[in-house]
Protein backbone atom coordinates (compact mmCIF):
# COMPACT_ATOMS: atom_id res chain seq x y z
CA MET A 1 12.67 -15.98 22.37
CA THR A 2 10.42 -15.83 19.34
CA THR A 3 9.34 -18.74 17.21
CA PRO A 4 10.18 -18.16 13.54
CA LEU A 5 7.30 -17.94 11.10
CA THR A 6 6.95 -20.72 8.58
CA LEU A 7 4.45 -20.60 5.74
CA ALA A 8 3.27 -23.39 3.47
CA ALA A 9 0.95 -22.94 0.50
CA SER A 10 -1.02 -25.81 -0.96
CA THR A 11 -4.16 -26.61 -2.88
CA ARG A 12 -6.67 -29.18 -1.65
CA PRO A 13 -8.16 -31.75 -4.05
CA ASP A 14 -11.35 -29.66 -4.19
CA GLY A 15 -9.32 -26.68 -5.43
CA THR A 16 -9.31 -24.74 -2.16
CA GLN A 17 -6.10 -22.79 -1.75
CA VAL A 18 -4.55 -23.01 1.70
CA VAL A 19 -1.88 -20.90 3.36
CA ALA A 20 -0.76 -22.52 6.61
CA ALA A 21 1.30 -20.56 9.11
CA ALA A 22 3.21 -21.71 12.16
CA GLY A 23 5.16 -19.76 14.75
CA GLU A 24 4.73 -16.07 15.46
CA ILE A 25 3.39 -13.37 13.15
CA ASP A 26 4.66 -9.91 13.98
CA MET A 27 5.98 -6.78 12.27
CA SER A 28 9.27 -8.51 11.45
CA ASN A 29 7.62 -11.11 9.20
CA ALA A 30 4.07 -9.97 8.39
CA GLY A 31 5.33 -9.08 4.91
CA ALA A 32 5.95 -12.76 4.23
CA LEU A 33 2.32 -13.54 5.07
CA GLU A 34 1.21 -10.69 2.80
CA GLU A 35 3.30 -12.09 -0.05
CA ALA A 36 1.92 -15.61 0.47
CA LEU A 37 -1.65 -14.33 0.34
CA ALA A 38 -0.93 -12.11 -2.67
CA ARG A 39 0.35 -15.16 -4.57
CA THR A 40 -3.08 -16.78 -4.24
CA GLY A 41 -4.58 -14.16 -6.55
CA ASP A 42 -8.16 -13.03 -6.02
CA SER A 43 -9.65 -16.41 -5.17
CA MET A 44 -10.89 -17.54 -1.77
CA VAL A 45 -8.20 -18.93 0.48
CA LEU A 46 -8.19 -20.82 3.75
CA VAL A 47 -5.64 -19.35 6.15
CA ASP A 48 -4.67 -21.96 8.72
CA LEU A 49 -3.37 -20.28 11.88
CA SER A 50 -3.81 -23.36 14.06
CA GLU A 51 -0.05 -23.49 14.73
CA VAL A 52 0.40 -19.74 15.28
CA GLU A 53 1.42 -18.87 18.83
CA TYR A 54 1.39 -15.07 18.56
CA LEU A 55 -0.25 -12.52 16.27
CA ASP A 56 0.34 -8.78 16.56
CA SER A 57 -1.22 -5.77 14.85
CA ALA A 58 0.99 -6.13 11.77
CA GLY A 59 -0.36 -9.63 11.21
CA LEU A 60 -3.91 -8.44 11.84
CA THR A 61 -3.44 -5.70 9.24
CA VAL A 62 -2.51 -8.31 6.64
CA LEU A 63 -5.54 -10.42 7.53
CA PHE A 64 -7.88 -7.42 7.39
CA THR A 65 -6.47 -6.47 3.99
CA HIS A 66 -7.57 -9.85 2.61
CA ALA A 67 -10.66 -10.34 4.83
CA SER A 68 -13.13 -10.37 1.95
CA ARG A 69 -11.58 -13.51 0.49
CA ILE A 70 -10.22 -15.53 3.39
CA ARG A 71 -11.51 -18.01 5.94
CA LEU A 72 -9.44 -18.54 9.05
CA VAL A 73 -8.74 -21.61 11.10
CA ALA A 74 -7.45 -20.38 14.44
CA ASN A 75 -6.46 -21.96 17.71
CA PRO A 76 -8.05 -20.88 21.00
CA VAL A 77 -4.99 -18.77 21.91
CA LEU A 78 -5.74 -16.39 19.04
CA GLU A 79 -9.49 -16.18 19.64
CA PRO A 80 -9.33 -13.18 22.03
CA VAL A 81 -7.03 -11.25 19.69
CA LEU A 82 -9.26 -11.86 16.68
CA THR A 83 -12.42 -11.06 18.63
CA ILE A 84 -11.13 -7.84 20.17
CA ALA A 85 -9.81 -6.70 16.80
CA GLY A 86 -13.25 -7.29 15.27
CA PHE A 87 -12.03 -9.78 12.68
CA ALA A 88 -14.93 -12.13 13.35
CA ASP A 89 -17.26 -9.37 12.15
CA VAL A 90 -15.70 -9.31 8.66
CA ALA A 91 -14.55 -12.87 7.96
CA ALA A 92 -15.30 -16.46 8.92
CA ILE A 93 -13.23 -17.95 11.72
CA GLN A 94 -13.26 -21.62 12.50
CA GLU A 95 -11.79 -22.39 15.89
CA ILE A 96 -10.00 -25.69 16.22
CA THR A 97 -10.62 -27.78 19.26
CA TYR A 98 -8.12 -30.00 20.91
CA VAL A 99 -9.06 -33.53 21.84
CA ASP A 100 -7.14 -35.13 24.68
CA PRO A 101 -5.95 -38.46 23.23
CA SER A 102 -5.87 -39.99 26.71
CA SER A 103 -9.62 -39.58 27.23
């Protein structure tokens, strides 16, 4: 079973535009991510993928299309996909780290 994609756009107090995604990004919904990024205009945007569980080539295509103006926040699950695809060579990726609250 797939996890539906949800997208939320916001602007931080410093003016940084943010598009946060959660769920799975695949060919069935990559167009929604493209539309969300297109709505941000030509300015820099932070794309928060920390809650994305799956990213296929359609999602990567969208990210590569906007690579010159995005920074990514990605969870460790996506790191191999982004590295193999070469995305780290064209845009900044900030990996989130999980802290065990019990430690």
